[in-house]
Amino acid sequence: MSKLALQIIGAGSMTLLLSGCSTFFTDHSDDYQKEKTTSTSIVMPDGSQPAKDILVIPNENNIADLDGVTPYETPRAPFIYYPMVAVGVVERTEAIEFSVPANISQSKRIVSDFLTALHGAGLPIASQTESQIVSVSFDFHPQGWWSSLWSNITRVHPTNPAFSFDFSEADDKTLVSVRFRDEQEGAEPSNWMSPVQNADAYSVAVRLWGTIGRQLNQTSAYLSNRESATAFPVWVDHQGIFAIHLGVNSSPAEIEAKLNAAGMYLIPGEDNMLAPVPSEDVARIGDVVDFNIPGSEQKLFNVYRRNLDDVSWENREYAYKISRQKAGDFLVIDVSSMEFPEVTSFHLVQRFVN
C-alpha cells in the first residue's frame, strides 16, 4: 500500500471517528428540557403550627423604634493634639533664638532628627561640630521639566535655603540660634540671615519650635521641667498647626475672657469668627482702598479691594472652633487659606503665651 493511500485512509478514519459519535450514540444534551418538576407535600403532624417563610430577627422586641428620619453623619476620628514644653522664642535681627530646657546633646539630636524628616532620602547635614550644625540646601519648590531645561540653558539656577543651628548653654538651658542663607549652583552663597526674611525658612523655624516642644514633653532631659508642660497652653498636631488648650468643660464666658486677655477680638454679627484687631480694622474684599503710585506715597484714586493678597495676617479675620477632646477643650483657628499656615498659626498662638 502506498504512502498516499495510508494518508487518505488515516484522514478518513479520523473524520469518521470525530463525526460518527452522534451517529452511533444518542445525544442526551437536551433531555433536561423534557423533564417535569416533582413536588412532595410535607405532612405535618397533628397540633403543629403552620410553617412560615419569614425573616427571623433575634431580640426583635428589644430593638428601639426610630422616631423620624435624621441625616446620617459620617463618624470621624477626633483630631489629636500633642502637649508642648514651654520653649522660649526671641526674634533677633540676625537669627531666631530658641531657649530649650534640655542639654546640648539632646537639643542637637532633636535638630538632627528634624532635618532628617524634613529632607527625606539622603544626608541632610553638610557639616557638624560640637556647637553647630549646618544643613544642606533644601529644595522646597522643585522645578518642572521645562524650568529645569531653561536653567540648564541659561545656567541660572534657583536659590535654595540652607540652615545653621548654633548651640550654647545658659542657665540649665540650651540656646539654639537658627539662621539661613541662600545657596545657588555656580554662585557664592549669601550671608547668614534671620529666617524671618524668607517665608520658607520662617516656616521651617516655626515647625522646629513645635517639634522641640513636643519631643521634650515626651522625654525631657530635666525631669523638673516636665511638670510645666501641662501649664503651657500651646499644643501642636502632626501637621505643625497649633491649638490653644482652654481647660476642661470651658464655658462660653470663660472662652471669651481668654480671647480678650490674649488681645483677640470676636467679630460681631458673625458666628465663630475672630481677628487680632478690632472689627473695623479688619481688611475685607470690597473695601475701598487708596491706589498709590508704585514706589511712592502719592495717591492716584480709590479702588475696591479684590483680594487679600497684600494684607498681612494681623489685619485678617479667621474662623475658629472649639474642639472637645479627651484631654480637654481646644481653640482651633482655621489658617488653611494662608500661603504659609504654620507661620500664621505660630503668630496667633504666641498671643496666648504669657
Protein backbone atom coordinates (compact mmCIF):
# COMPACT_ATOMS: atom_id res chain seq x y z
CA MET A 1 0.00 0.00 0.00
CA SER A 2 1.37 3.33 -0.99
CA LYS A 3 2.09 6.17 1.43
CA LEU A 4 -0.62 8.33 -0.17
CA ALA A 5 -3.25 5.63 0.34
CA LEU A 6 -2.30 5.31 4.01
CA GLN A 7 -2.70 9.10 4.50
CA ILE A 8 -6.14 9.03 2.85
CA ILE A 9 -7.31 6.06 4.97
CA GLY A 10 -5.99 7.72 8.17
CA ALA A 11 -7.69 11.03 7.47
CA GLY A 12 -10.97 9.25 6.67
CA SER A 13 -10.82 7.21 9.85
CA MET A 14 -10.18 10.30 11.96
CA THR A 15 -13.07 12.14 10.31
CA LEU A 16 -15.39 9.17 10.87
CA LEU A 17 -14.30 8.91 14.49
CA LEU A 18 -14.89 12.61 15.24
CA SER A 19 -18.20 12.91 13.40
CA GLY A 20 -19.59 9.46 13.99
CA CYS A 21 -20.28 9.82 17.70
CA SER A 22 -23.65 11.39 17.02
CA THR A 23 -24.45 8.63 14.57
CA PHE A 24 -23.89 5.65 16.86
CA PHE A 25 -24.66 7.29 20.24
CA THR A 26 -27.82 9.09 21.38
CA ASP A 27 -27.43 12.81 22.20
CA HIS A 28 -28.86 13.48 25.68
CA SER A 29 -27.86 17.15 25.89
CA ASP A 30 -31.47 18.38 25.59
CA ASP A 31 -33.12 15.82 27.82
CA TYR A 32 -33.47 18.31 30.68
CA GLN A 33 -35.97 20.29 28.62
CA LYS A 34 -38.38 17.34 28.61
CA GLU A 35 -38.28 16.75 32.35
CA LYS A 36 -41.08 17.87 34.67
CA THR A 37 -40.68 19.10 38.25
CA THR A 38 -41.86 16.90 41.07
CA SER A 39 -43.28 18.25 44.31
CA THR A 40 -43.82 16.46 47.56
CA SER A 41 -46.21 17.80 50.14
CA ILE A 42 -44.93 17.83 53.67
CA VAL A 43 -47.30 16.06 56.00
CA MET A 44 -47.41 17.98 59.30
CA PRO A 45 -48.21 16.14 62.48
CA ASP A 46 -51.41 16.94 64.31
CA GLY A 47 -51.29 20.03 66.53
CA SER A 48 -48.22 21.59 64.87
CA GLN A 49 -48.09 25.26 63.84
CA PRO A 50 -48.09 26.05 60.14
CA ALA A 51 -44.66 26.88 58.65
CA LYS A 52 -44.00 30.50 57.68
CA ASP A 53 -41.29 31.68 55.35
CA ILE A 54 -40.31 34.89 57.17
CA LEU A 55 -37.09 36.61 58.31
CA VAL A 56 -36.39 35.98 61.97
CA ILE A 57 -34.62 38.85 63.77
CA PRO A 58 -33.16 37.86 67.13
CA ASN A 59 -34.37 40.03 70.02
CA GLU A 60 -36.63 41.97 67.69
CA ASN A 61 -38.82 43.15 70.54
CA ASN A 62 -35.82 44.71 72.30
CA ILE A 63 -34.84 46.92 69.35
CA ALA A 64 -36.00 50.51 69.81
CA ASP A 65 -38.04 52.17 67.10
CA LEU A 66 -36.66 55.26 65.34
CA ASP A 67 -38.81 58.36 65.67
CA GLY A 68 -38.46 60.35 62.50
CA VAL A 69 -35.66 60.41 59.92
CA THR A 70 -32.38 62.11 60.86
CA PRO A 71 -29.48 62.86 58.48
CA TYR A 72 -26.61 60.42 58.70
CA GLU A 73 -23.34 61.88 59.89
CA THR A 74 -20.15 60.08 58.92
CA PRO A 75 -18.18 59.34 62.09
CA ARG A 76 -14.72 60.88 62.09
CA ALA A 77 -11.81 60.25 64.39
CA PRO A 78 -11.06 63.28 66.59
CA PHE A 79 -8.04 65.34 65.66
CA ILE A 80 -5.21 64.68 68.07
CA TYR A 81 -3.08 67.40 69.62
CA TYR A 82 0.16 66.87 71.48
CA PRO A 83 1.26 68.91 74.51
CA MET A 84 4.40 71.01 74.31
CA VAL A 85 7.05 72.03 76.78
CA ALA A 86 7.49 75.80 77.05
CA VAL A 87 10.24 76.77 74.60
CA GLY A 88 11.12 80.47 74.61
CA VAL A 89 11.35 82.32 71.28
CA VAL A 90 13.27 85.53 70.60
CA GLU A 91 13.38 87.01 67.09
CA ARG A 92 16.65 88.90 66.69
CA THR A 93 17.87 90.82 63.66
CA GLU A 94 20.32 88.14 62.62
CA ALA A 95 18.64 84.96 63.91
CA ILE A 96 15.70 83.32 65.70
CA GLU A 97 16.74 82.03 69.11
CA PHE A 98 15.05 79.18 70.98
CA SER A 99 15.53 78.71 74.71
CA VAL A 100 15.36 74.90 75.04
CA PRO A 101 15.01 73.30 78.52
CA ALA A 102 17.45 70.48 77.69
CA ASN A 103 21.19 69.94 77.34
CA ILE A 104 23.17 70.46 74.15
CA SER A 105 23.37 66.76 73.34
CA GLN A 106 19.61 66.27 73.38
CA SER A 107 18.98 69.55 71.56
CA LYS A 108 21.35 68.51 68.76
CA ARG A 109 19.68 65.12 68.50
CA ILE A 110 16.23 66.73 68.14
CA VAL A 111 17.52 69.11 65.44
CA SER A 112 19.26 66.27 63.57
CA ASP A 113 16.10 64.13 63.60
CA PHE A 114 14.07 67.13 62.45
CA LEU A 115 16.39 67.76 59.49
CA THR A 116 16.28 64.08 58.53
CA ALA A 117 12.47 64.12 58.48
CA LEU A 118 12.46 67.41 56.56
CA HIS A 119 14.98 66.30 53.92
CA GLY A 120 13.84 62.74 53.33
CA ALA A 121 16.24 60.44 51.47
CA GLY A 122 19.92 61.34 51.64
CA LEU A 123 22.07 63.16 54.17
CA PRO A 124 20.57 66.45 55.43
CA ILE A 125 23.67 67.66 57.33
CA ALA A 126 26.56 69.27 55.46
CA SER A 127 28.85 69.77 58.47
CA GLN A 128 28.67 69.37 62.23
CA THR A 129 30.74 70.40 65.23
CA GLU A 130 30.14 70.28 68.97
CA SER A 131 28.35 73.63 68.90
CA GLN A 132 26.98 73.92 65.36
CA ILE A 133 25.02 72.02 62.70
CA VAL A 134 24.96 73.25 59.09
CA SER A 135 22.42 71.65 56.78
CA VAL A 136 22.48 71.09 53.06
CA SER A 137 20.29 73.32 50.89
CA PHE A 138 16.61 72.37 50.75
CA ASP A 139 14.60 72.47 47.54
CA PHE A 140 11.12 73.40 48.75
CA HIS A 141 9.88 74.27 45.24
CA PRO A 142 11.14 71.62 42.77
CA GLN A 143 11.41 72.75 39.17
CA GLY A 144 9.39 71.26 36.38
CA TRP A 145 10.95 69.76 33.28
CA TRP A 146 10.77 72.97 31.23
CA SER A 147 12.07 75.15 34.06
CA SER A 148 14.93 72.74 34.67
CA LEU A 149 15.79 72.76 30.97
CA TRP A 150 15.76 76.56 30.88
CA SER A 151 18.01 76.72 33.95
CA ASN A 152 20.49 74.38 32.27
CA ILE A 153 20.48 76.51 29.11
CA THR A 154 20.84 79.87 30.85
CA ARG A 155 22.92 78.42 33.72
CA VAL A 156 20.82 80.47 36.12
CA HIS A 157 19.70 78.02 38.78
CA PRO A 158 17.17 78.70 41.56
CA THR A 159 18.32 79.62 45.06
CA ASN A 160 17.60 77.21 47.90
CA PRO A 161 17.91 77.89 51.64
CA ALA A 162 20.43 76.14 53.88
CA PHE A 163 20.28 76.40 57.68
CA SER A 164 22.74 76.89 60.51
CA PHE A 165 22.00 75.88 64.11
CA ASP A 166 24.32 77.20 66.83
CA PHE A 167 24.13 75.69 70.33
CA SER A 168 25.24 77.30 73.59
CA GLU A 169 24.44 76.69 77.26
CA ALA A 170 22.80 79.29 79.51
CA ASP A 171 21.17 78.71 82.95
CA ASP A 172 20.49 74.97 82.61
CA LYS A 173 19.07 75.55 79.13
CA THR A 174 20.39 75.42 75.59
CA LEU A 175 20.15 78.43 73.32
CA VAL A 176 19.57 77.30 69.73
CA SER A 177 20.21 80.09 67.22
CA VAL A 178 18.63 79.43 63.81
CA ARG A 179 19.89 81.21 60.67
CA PHE A 180 19.67 80.59 56.95
CA ARG A 181 21.42 81.58 53.73
CA ASP A 182 20.62 81.28 50.03
CA GLU A 183 22.72 78.84 48.03
CA GLN A 184 22.77 78.68 44.25
CA GLU A 185 24.59 76.32 41.92
CA GLY A 186 27.59 78.04 40.37
CA ALA A 187 27.45 81.07 42.70
CA GLU A 188 28.74 82.04 46.11
CA PRO A 189 26.27 81.58 48.99
CA SER A 190 24.79 84.66 50.62
CA ASN A 191 25.47 85.81 54.17
CA TRP A 192 23.70 84.19 57.09
CA MET A 193 20.33 85.87 57.81
CA SER A 194 17.35 85.55 60.12
CA PRO A 195 14.62 83.13 58.91
CA VAL A 196 12.13 85.98 59.24
CA GLN A 197 13.42 87.35 55.93
CA ASN A 198 12.33 84.28 53.95
CA ALA A 199 8.89 82.67 54.14
CA ASP A 200 10.15 79.12 53.56
CA ALA A 201 12.90 79.49 56.15
CA TYR A 202 10.47 81.06 58.63
CA SER A 203 8.10 78.12 58.17
CA VAL A 204 10.93 75.68 58.90
CA ALA A 205 11.88 77.56 62.08
CA VAL A 206 8.27 77.52 63.26
CA ARG A 207 7.98 73.78 62.65
CA LEU A 208 11.20 73.24 64.58
CA TRP A 209 9.74 75.17 67.53
CA GLY A 210 6.74 72.83 67.62
CA THR A 211 8.91 69.74 67.19
CA ILE A 212 11.22 70.70 70.06
CA GLY A 213 8.31 71.37 72.41
CA ARG A 214 6.59 68.12 71.50
CA GLN A 215 9.72 65.97 71.74
CA LEU A 216 10.75 67.42 75.10
CA ASN A 217 7.32 66.72 76.53
CA GLN A 218 7.82 63.03 75.77
CA THR A 219 11.42 62.65 77.00
CA SER A 220 12.81 65.64 78.87
CA ALA A 221 16.45 65.84 79.92
CA TYR A 222 15.43 67.73 83.06
CA LEU A 223 12.65 65.99 84.95
CA SER A 224 11.89 69.16 86.88
CA ASN A 225 10.68 70.76 83.64
CA ARG A 226 8.18 68.03 82.81
CA GLU A 227 5.60 69.33 85.27
CA SER A 228 5.48 72.68 83.46
CA ALA A 229 4.33 71.02 80.24
CA THR A 230 0.68 70.92 81.32
CA ALA A 231 0.74 74.64 82.16
CA PHE A 232 1.88 75.60 78.65
CA PRO A 233 -1.29 76.42 76.68
CA VAL A 234 0.06 75.69 73.18
CA TRP A 235 -0.39 72.19 71.75
CA VAL A 236 0.55 71.02 68.25
CA ASP A 237 -0.83 68.47 65.82
CA HIS A 238 1.10 66.21 63.45
CA GLN A 239 0.76 68.76 60.62
CA GLY A 240 2.52 71.51 62.55
CA ILE A 241 -0.64 73.58 63.23
CA PHE A 242 -1.03 74.85 66.79
CA ALA A 243 -4.04 74.93 69.10
CA ILE A 244 -4.74 76.50 72.48
CA HIS A 245 -5.66 74.28 75.41
CA LEU A 246 -8.54 76.01 77.22
CA GLY A 247 -9.02 73.54 80.06
CA VAL A 248 -11.86 71.11 80.64
CA ASN A 249 -15.54 71.98 80.07
CA SER A 250 -14.88 75.66 79.43
CA SER A 251 -17.97 77.86 79.39
CA PRO A 252 -18.56 80.46 76.62
CA ALA A 253 -17.85 83.24 79.12
CA GLU A 254 -14.50 81.68 80.07
CA ILE A 255 -13.54 81.24 76.42
CA GLU A 256 -14.38 84.87 75.62
CA ALA A 257 -12.39 86.05 78.65
CA LYS A 258 -9.31 84.12 77.48
CA LEU A 259 -9.65 85.55 73.99
CA ASN A 260 -9.88 89.09 75.33
CA ALA A 261 -6.87 88.53 77.59
CA ALA A 262 -4.85 87.42 74.54
CA GLY A 263 -5.83 90.51 72.53
CA MET A 264 -8.19 88.63 70.19
CA TYR A 265 -11.47 90.20 69.09
CA LEU A 266 -14.72 88.39 68.29
CA ILE A 267 -16.35 89.66 65.10
CA PRO A 268 -19.85 90.98 65.94
CA GLY A 269 -22.69 89.67 63.81
CA GLU A 270 -20.74 86.59 62.68
CA ASP A 271 -20.56 83.21 64.34
CA ASN A 272 -17.17 81.76 65.30
CA MET A 273 -15.04 84.49 63.72
CA LEU A 274 -12.17 86.32 65.40
CA ALA A 275 -9.38 88.71 64.47
CA PRO A 276 -6.18 90.08 66.04
CA VAL A 277 -7.55 93.62 65.53
CA PRO A 278 -10.97 95.21 66.12
CA SER A 279 -13.66 94.51 63.56
CA GLU A 280 -13.45 97.98 62.00
CA ASP A 281 -9.74 97.45 61.23
CA VAL A 282 -10.19 94.08 59.52
CA ALA A 283 -9.47 94.09 55.77
CA ARG A 284 -12.22 92.59 53.63
CA ILE A 285 -12.83 92.08 49.94
CA GLY A 286 -14.81 95.02 48.59
CA ASP A 287 -13.29 97.65 50.88
CA VAL A 288 -12.44 100.99 49.31
CA VAL A 289 -8.65 101.48 49.48
CA ASP A 290 -6.20 104.02 48.14
CA PHE A 291 -4.27 103.26 44.95
CA ASN A 292 -0.80 104.79 45.11
CA ILE A 293 1.94 105.16 42.53
CA PRO A 294 4.29 102.16 42.88
CA GLY A 295 7.27 103.20 44.97
CA SER A 296 5.59 106.41 46.08
CA GLU A 297 3.05 107.55 48.64
CA GLN A 298 1.23 109.76 46.15
CA LYS A 299 -2.43 108.79 45.92
CA LEU A 300 -3.99 108.44 42.46
CA PHE A 301 -7.56 107.28 43.11
CA ASN A 302 -9.65 104.87 45.17
CA VAL A 303 -10.25 101.26 44.18
CA TYR A 304 -12.20 98.32 45.56
CA ARG A 305 -10.16 95.59 47.20
CA ARG A 306 -10.42 92.48 45.02
CA ASN A 307 -8.35 90.07 47.12
CA LEU A 308 -6.39 89.87 50.35
CA ASP A 309 -3.01 89.03 48.86
CA ASP A 310 -1.40 92.25 50.09
CA VAL A 311 -2.98 92.09 53.58
CA SER A 312 -0.84 90.95 56.49
CA TRP A 313 -2.02 88.24 58.88
CA GLU A 314 -2.70 90.85 61.59
CA ASN A 315 -5.48 92.56 59.60
CA ARG A 316 -7.43 89.45 58.65
CA GLU A 317 -10.30 87.61 60.27
CA TYR A 318 -10.24 83.86 60.94
CA ALA A 319 -12.84 81.20 61.57
CA TYR A 320 -12.39 79.23 64.75
CA LYS A 321 -13.97 76.30 66.55
CA ILE A 322 -13.86 74.74 69.99
CA SER A 323 -12.74 71.12 69.69
CA ARG A 324 -13.83 68.92 72.58
CA GLN A 325 -11.19 66.26 73.08
CA LYS A 326 -10.50 63.74 75.80
CA ALA A 327 -7.62 65.92 77.01
CA GLY A 328 -9.87 68.99 77.25
CA ASP A 329 -11.18 71.84 75.13
CA PHE A 330 -9.05 73.33 72.36
CA LEU A 331 -9.29 76.59 70.47
CA VAL A 332 -8.55 75.76 66.83
CA ILE A 333 -8.09 78.73 64.47
CA ASP A 334 -8.53 77.98 60.76
CA VAL A 335 -5.47 79.26 58.87
CA SER A 336 -5.82 76.97 55.84
CA SER A 337 -6.39 79.93 53.49
CA MET A 338 -2.94 81.37 54.23
CA GLU A 339 0.03 80.66 51.99
CA PHE A 340 2.15 79.58 54.99
CA PRO A 341 -0.38 78.34 57.57
CA GLU A 342 2.26 77.22 60.11
CA VAL A 343 3.69 80.75 60.34
CA THR A 344 0.26 82.36 60.76
CA SER A 345 -0.75 79.77 63.37
CA PHE A 346 2.52 80.46 65.21
CA HIS A 347 1.86 84.22 65.28
CA LEU A 348 -1.69 83.76 66.56
CA VAL A 349 -0.89 81.35 69.39
CA GLN A 350 2.01 83.50 70.59
CA ARG A 351 -0.62 85.93 71.86
CA PHE A 352 -1.75 83.31 74.36
CA VAL A 353 1.75 82.70 75.74
CA ASN A 354 2.46 84.70 78.89
